[in-house]
C-alpha atoms as a PDB file:
ATOM      1  CA  MET A   1      85.052 259.649 -57.102  1.00  0.00           C
ATOM      2  CA  SER A   2      87.347 262.580 -57.216  1.00  0.00           C
ATOM      3  CA  SER A   3      86.491 266.193 -57.354  1.00  0.00           C
ATOM      4  CA  GLU A   4      87.816 266.243 -60.399  1.00  0.00           C
ATOM      5  CA  ASP A   5      85.189 264.067 -61.826  1.00  0.00           C
ATOM      6  CA  ARG A   6      82.276 266.306 -60.987  1.00  0.00           C
ATOM      7  CA  ILE A   7      80.967 269.424 -62.931  1.00  0.00           C
ATOM      8  CA  ILE A   8      79.660 273.026 -61.919  1.00  0.00           C
ATOM      9  CA  PHE A   9      76.348 273.526 -62.743  1.00  0.00           C
ATOM     10  CA  ASN A  10      73.618 276.033 -61.252  1.00  0.00           C
ATOM     11  CA  GLY A  11      76.785 277.225 -59.115  1.00  0.00           C
ATOM     12  CA  ARG A  12      77.639 273.445 -57.247  1.00  0.00           C
ATOM     13  CA  ARG A  13      79.477 271.135 -58.008  1.00  0.00           C
ATOM     14  CA  VAL A  14      77.735 267.746 -58.870  1.00  0.00           C
ATOM     15  CA  LEU A  15      77.918 264.947 -60.727  1.00  0.00           C
ATOM     16  CA  PRO A  16      78.134 264.730 -64.733  1.00  0.00           C
ATOM     17  CA  ASP A  17      74.802 263.136 -64.891  1.00  0.00           C
ATOM     18  CA  TRP A  18      73.280 265.284 -61.866  1.00  0.00           C
ATOM     19  CA  PRO A  19      71.540 267.730 -64.336  1.00  0.00           C
ATOM     20  CA  GLU A  20      69.581 264.931 -66.170  1.00  0.00           C
ATOM     21  CA  LYS A  21      68.306 263.818 -62.828  1.00  0.00           C
ATOM     22  CA  ILE A  22      67.004 267.365 -62.034  1.00  0.00           C
ATOM     23  CA  GLU A  23      65.551 267.288 -65.343  1.00  0.00           C
ATOM     24  CA  MET A  24      63.880 264.205 -64.460  1.00  0.00           C
ATOM     25  CA  ALA A  25      62.426 265.597 -61.319  1.00  0.00           C
ATOM     26  CA  GLN A  26      60.607 268.267 -62.639  1.00  0.00           C
ATOM     27  CA  HIS A  27      58.271 265.746 -63.857  1.00  0.00           C
ATOM     28  CA  VAL A  28      57.223 264.657 -60.353  1.00  0.00           C
ATOM     29  CA  SER A  29      55.199 267.202 -59.884  1.00  0.00           C
ATOM     30  CA  HIS A  30      52.618 265.443 -57.056  1.00  0.00           C
ATOM     31  CA  ILE A  31      53.624 262.566 -54.507  1.00  0.00           C
ATOM     32  CA  SER A  32      50.777 260.762 -52.705  1.00  0.00           C
ATOM     33  CA  ILE A  33      50.516 260.502 -49.128  1.00  0.00           C
ATOM     34  CA  GLY A  34      47.772 258.864 -47.578  1.00  0.00           C
ATOM     35  CA  GLY A  35      46.348 258.066 -51.042  1.00  0.00           C
ATOM     36  CA  VAL A  36      46.071 262.026 -51.709  1.00  0.00           C
ATOM     37  CA  ASP A  37      47.993 263.555 -54.252  1.00  0.00           C
ATOM     38  CA  TYR A  38      50.045 266.376 -53.074  1.00  0.00           C
ATOM     39  CA  PRO A  39      51.754 268.914 -55.226  1.00  0.00           C
ATOM     40  CA  ARG A  40      55.284 269.348 -54.225  1.00  0.00           C
ATOM     41  CA  VAL A  41      57.161 272.026 -52.564  1.00  0.00           C
ATOM     42  CA  ARG A  42      59.189 273.686 -55.259  1.00  0.00           C
ATOM     43  CA  TYR A  43      62.488 275.581 -53.532  1.00  0.00           C
ATOM     44  CA  GLY A  44      62.030 278.824 -52.776  1.00  0.00           C
ATOM     45  CA  GLU A  45      58.409 277.892 -51.713  1.00  0.00           C
ATOM     46  CA  GLU A  46      59.367 276.771 -48.662  1.00  0.00           C
ATOM     47  CA  ALA A  47      58.244 278.231 -44.983  1.00  0.00           C
ATOM     48  CA  GLY A  48      61.807 278.867 -43.902  1.00  0.00           C
ATOM     49  CA  ASP A  49      64.405 280.846 -46.063  1.00  0.00           C
ATOM     50  CA  TRP A  50      67.167 278.469 -47.601  1.00  0.00           C
ATOM     51  CA  GLY A  51      68.350 281.494 -50.243  1.00  0.00           C
ATOM     52  CA  ALA A  52      66.677 280.577 -52.955  1.00  0.00           C
ATOM     53  CA  ASP A  53      66.756 284.037 -54.284  1.00  0.00           C
ATOM     54  CA  GLU A  54      70.470 283.998 -54.380  1.00  0.00           C
ATOM     55  CA  VAL A  55      71.889 280.675 -54.490  1.00  0.00           C
ATOM     56  CA  SER A  56      70.576 277.173 -56.015  1.00  0.00           C
ATOM     57  CA  CYS A  57      69.910 274.259 -53.476  1.00  0.00           C
ATOM     58  CA  HIS A  58      72.605 273.576 -51.157  1.00  0.00           C
ATOM     59  CA  ASP A  59      71.795 269.418 -51.060  1.00  0.00           C
ATOM     60  CA  CYS A  60      70.426 269.078 -55.002  1.00  0.00           C
ATOM     61  CA  ALA A  61      71.334 272.078 -56.977  1.00  0.00           C
ATOM     62  CA  VAL A  62      68.020 273.218 -57.974  1.00  0.00           C
ATOM     63  CA  VAL A  63      67.037 276.729 -58.786  1.00  0.00           C
ATOM     64  CA  LYS A  64      64.309 278.864 -57.153  1.00  0.00           C
ATOM     65  CA  GLY A  65      61.086 277.782 -59.151  1.00  0.00           C
ATOM     66  CA  GLN A  66      62.173 274.125 -59.460  1.00  0.00           C
ATOM     67  CA  LEU A  67      61.324 270.699 -57.722  1.00  0.00           C
ATOM     68  CA  HIS A  68      64.073 269.053 -55.820  1.00  0.00           C
ATOM     69  CA  VAL A  69      65.641 265.727 -56.670  1.00  0.00           C
ATOM     70  CA  PRO A  70      63.699 263.131 -54.377  1.00  0.00           C
ATOM     71  CA  GLY A  71      65.925 262.687 -51.278  1.00  0.00           C
ATOM     72  CA  CYS A  72      67.141 265.933 -50.920  1.00  0.00           C
ATOM     73  CA  ASP A  73      67.478 266.776 -47.655  1.00  0.00           C
ATOM     74  CA  VAL A  74      66.095 270.877 -48.220  1.00  0.00           C
ATOM     75  CA  GLU A  75      62.794 269.167 -49.788  1.00  0.00           C
ATOM     76  CA  ARG A  76      59.684 269.660 -47.557  1.00  0.00           C
ATOM     77  CA  CYS A  77      56.520 267.682 -46.965  1.00  0.00           C
ATOM     78  CA  PRO A  78      53.643 268.746 -48.320  1.00  0.00           C
ATOM     79  CA  LEU A  79      51.130 267.618 -45.803  1.00  0.00           C
ATOM     80  CA  CYS A  80      52.964 268.345 -42.725  1.00  0.00           C
ATOM     81  CA  GLY A  81      55.997 270.898 -44.136  1.00  0.00           C
ATOM     82  CA  GLY A  82      58.392 268.710 -42.531  1.00  0.00           C
ATOM     83  CA  GLN A  83      61.537 267.200 -43.892  1.00  0.00           C
ATOM     84  CA  ALA A  84      60.405 265.423 -46.549  1.00  0.00           C
ATOM     85  CA  ILE A  85      63.058 262.527 -46.162  1.00  0.00           C
ATOM     86  CA  SER A  86      62.386 262.467 -42.786  1.00  0.00           C
ATOM     87  CA  CYS A  87      58.765 263.089 -41.866  1.00  0.00           C
ATOM     88  CA  ASP A  88      56.284 260.511 -40.348  1.00  0.00           C
ATOM     89  CA  CYS A  89      53.709 261.597 -43.376  1.00  0.00           C
ATOM     90  CA  PRO A  90      52.489 257.962 -44.601  1.00  0.00           C
ATOM     91  CA  TYR A  91      53.800 258.522 -48.270  1.00  0.00           C
ATOM     92  CA  ASP A  92      52.561 256.105 -51.015  1.00  0.00           C
ATOM     93  CA  VAL A  93      55.366 253.847 -52.097  1.00  0.00           C
ATOM     94  CA  ASP A  94      55.587 253.214 -56.245  1.00  0.00           C
ATOM     95  CA  ASP A  95      57.748 250.012 -56.659  1.00  0.00           C
ATOM     96  CA  GLU A  96      58.328 250.600 -60.483  1.00  0.00           C
END
């Protein structure tokens, strides 16, 4: 896919279906870890400063206050605070 196939959304070049993925991510407010539901960490609420006051997320293009698209490398684990996609917390997998 070439860069001409992308659109600008929230200041980032994304695939045309990305705004829909962002919208869908907003409906998944909690994540289950070890059988306990935790509220997901919104962009701008992370311990580190990712520049949410000035720019959208560099990986998934959400703006401050929005929930990251699943798989985003900026999203933090609500249990340990580490990178959600690579921490060792026992995330419960929903096979649906």
